[in-house]
Amino acid sequence: MSIFPHYSFEFGMLHGAVDGQKFNMATPATKARHGKKYFGKGKGVVAYSMLCNHVPLQTYLLGSNDHES
């Protein structure tokens, strides 16, 4: 898209990052796990995303008790 160069850190360079976000689950799911630290008594998942210049390229769902590394 033509707007992407305006949000770039440096012209002509790509910057990548990974990010893990935690989400509560309202309905039961196979990947949802108990995580007292993040969800109290509830269950949730972790969305682990690979970003390149603020655009998510790939996302992987993990249980809340799995390592993100």
C-alpha atoms as a PDB file:
ATOM      1  CA  MET A   1       0.000   0.000   0.000  1.00  0.00           C
ATOM      2  CA  SER A   2       1.165   3.513  -0.660  1.00  0.00           C
ATOM      3  CA  ILE A   3       0.860   4.555   3.024  1.00  0.00           C
ATOM      4  CA  PHE A   4       3.517   2.063   4.251  1.00  0.00           C
ATOM      5  CA  PRO A   5       6.583   4.224   3.415  1.00  0.00           C
ATOM      6  CA  HIS A   6       5.226   6.982   5.696  1.00  0.00           C
ATOM      7  CA  TYR A   7       5.321   4.614   8.703  1.00  0.00           C
ATOM      8  CA  SER A   8       8.786   3.218   7.984  1.00  0.00           C
ATOM      9  CA  PHE A   9      11.616   3.895  10.454  1.00  0.00           C
ATOM     10  CA  GLU A  10      14.235   4.354   7.732  1.00  0.00           C
ATOM     11  CA  PHE A  11      13.693   4.678   4.013  1.00  0.00           C
ATOM     12  CA  GLY A  12      14.549   1.447   2.207  1.00  0.00           C
ATOM     13  CA  MET A  13      15.074  -0.621   5.386  1.00  0.00           C
ATOM     14  CA  LEU A  14      12.796  -3.237   6.875  1.00  0.00           C
ATOM     15  CA  HIS A  15      12.524  -3.580  10.660  1.00  0.00           C
ATOM     16  CA  GLY A  16      11.161  -6.749  12.213  1.00  0.00           C
ATOM     17  CA  ALA A  17       9.885  -7.673  15.650  1.00  0.00           C
ATOM     18  CA  VAL A  18       7.927 -10.359  17.463  1.00  0.00           C
ATOM     19  CA  ASP A  19       5.135  -9.713  19.921  1.00  0.00           C
ATOM     20  CA  GLY A  20       3.149 -11.929  22.264  1.00  0.00           C
ATOM     21  CA  GLN A  21      -0.296 -10.690  23.284  1.00  0.00           C
ATOM     22  CA  LYS A  22      -2.511 -12.487  25.782  1.00  0.00           C
ATOM     23  CA  PHE A  23      -6.262 -12.814  25.303  1.00  0.00           C
ATOM     24  CA  ASN A  24      -9.010 -14.150  27.593  1.00  0.00           C
ATOM     25  CA  MET A  25     -11.287 -16.805  26.112  1.00  0.00           C
ATOM     26  CA  ALA A  26     -15.022 -16.463  26.708  1.00  0.00           C
ATOM     27  CA  THR A  27     -15.812 -19.861  25.173  1.00  0.00           C
ATOM     28  CA  PRO A  28     -13.867 -23.124  25.541  1.00  0.00           C
ATOM     29  CA  ALA A  29     -11.129 -23.775  22.968  1.00  0.00           C
ATOM     30  CA  THR A  30      -8.507 -26.491  22.578  1.00  0.00           C
ATOM     31  CA  LYS A  31      -5.545 -24.085  22.903  1.00  0.00           C
ATOM     32  CA  ALA A  32      -6.978 -22.171  25.886  1.00  0.00           C
ATOM     33  CA  ARG A  33      -5.151 -22.907  29.144  1.00  0.00           C
ATOM     34  CA  HIS A  34      -5.368 -21.711  32.724  1.00  0.00           C
ATOM     35  CA  GLY A  35      -2.908 -18.966  33.532  1.00  0.00           C
ATOM     36  CA  LYS A  36      -3.330 -17.630  37.079  1.00  0.00           C
ATOM     37  CA  LYS A  37      -0.757 -14.892  36.478  1.00  0.00           C
ATOM     38  CA  TYR A  38      -2.533 -13.427  33.421  1.00  0.00           C
ATOM     39  CA  PHE A  39      -6.153 -14.585  33.525  1.00  0.00           C
ATOM     40  CA  GLY A  40      -6.973 -15.121  37.206  1.00  0.00           C
ATOM     41  CA  LYS A  41      -9.339 -18.094  37.308  1.00  0.00           C
ATOM     42  CA  GLY A  42     -10.065 -17.914  33.576  1.00  0.00           C
ATOM     43  CA  LYS A  43      -8.453 -19.417  30.502  1.00  0.00           C
ATOM     44  CA  GLY A  44      -6.685 -17.745  27.622  1.00  0.00           C
ATOM     45  CA  VAL A  45      -4.317 -17.951  24.663  1.00  0.00           C
ATOM     46  CA  VAL A  46      -1.216 -16.110  23.490  1.00  0.00           C
ATOM     47  CA  ALA A  47      -1.121 -14.671  19.960  1.00  0.00           C
ATOM     48  CA  TYR A  48       2.539 -14.668  18.969  1.00  0.00           C
ATOM     49  CA  SER A  49       3.019 -12.400  15.927  1.00  0.00           C
ATOM     50  CA  MET A  50       5.946 -11.623  13.638  1.00  0.00           C
ATOM     51  CA  LEU A  51       5.870  -7.989  12.474  1.00  0.00           C
ATOM     52  CA  CYS A  52       7.718  -6.208   9.693  1.00  0.00           C
ATOM     53  CA  ASN A  53       7.373  -2.391   9.596  1.00  0.00           C
ATOM     54  CA  HIS A  54       4.199  -2.534  11.740  1.00  0.00           C
ATOM     55  CA  VAL A  55       2.543  -5.152   9.469  1.00  0.00           C
ATOM     56  CA  PRO A  56       1.816  -8.611  10.950  1.00  0.00           C
ATOM     57  CA  LEU A  57       3.251 -11.229   8.602  1.00  0.00           C
ATOM     58  CA  GLN A  58       2.594 -14.382  10.598  1.00  0.00           C
ATOM     59  CA  THR A  59       0.666 -15.236  13.769  1.00  0.00           C
ATOM     60  CA  TYR A  60       0.785 -18.380  15.873  1.00  0.00           C
ATOM     61  CA  LEU A  61      -1.539 -19.224  18.777  1.00  0.00           C
ATOM     62  CA  LEU A  62      -0.057 -20.767  21.919  1.00  0.00           C
ATOM     63  CA  GLY A  63      -1.558 -21.957  25.166  1.00  0.00           C
ATOM     64  CA  SER A  64      -0.890 -19.581  28.045  1.00  0.00           C
ATOM     65  CA  ASN A  65       1.373 -22.116  29.793  1.00  0.00           C
ATOM     66  CA  ASP A  66       3.641 -22.652  26.720  1.00  0.00           C
ATOM     67  CA  HIS A  67       6.933 -20.792  26.323  1.00  0.00           C
ATOM     68  CA  GLU A  68       6.990 -17.968  23.761  1.00  0.00           C
ATOM     69  CA  SER A  69      10.648 -18.573  22.969  1.00  0.00           C
END
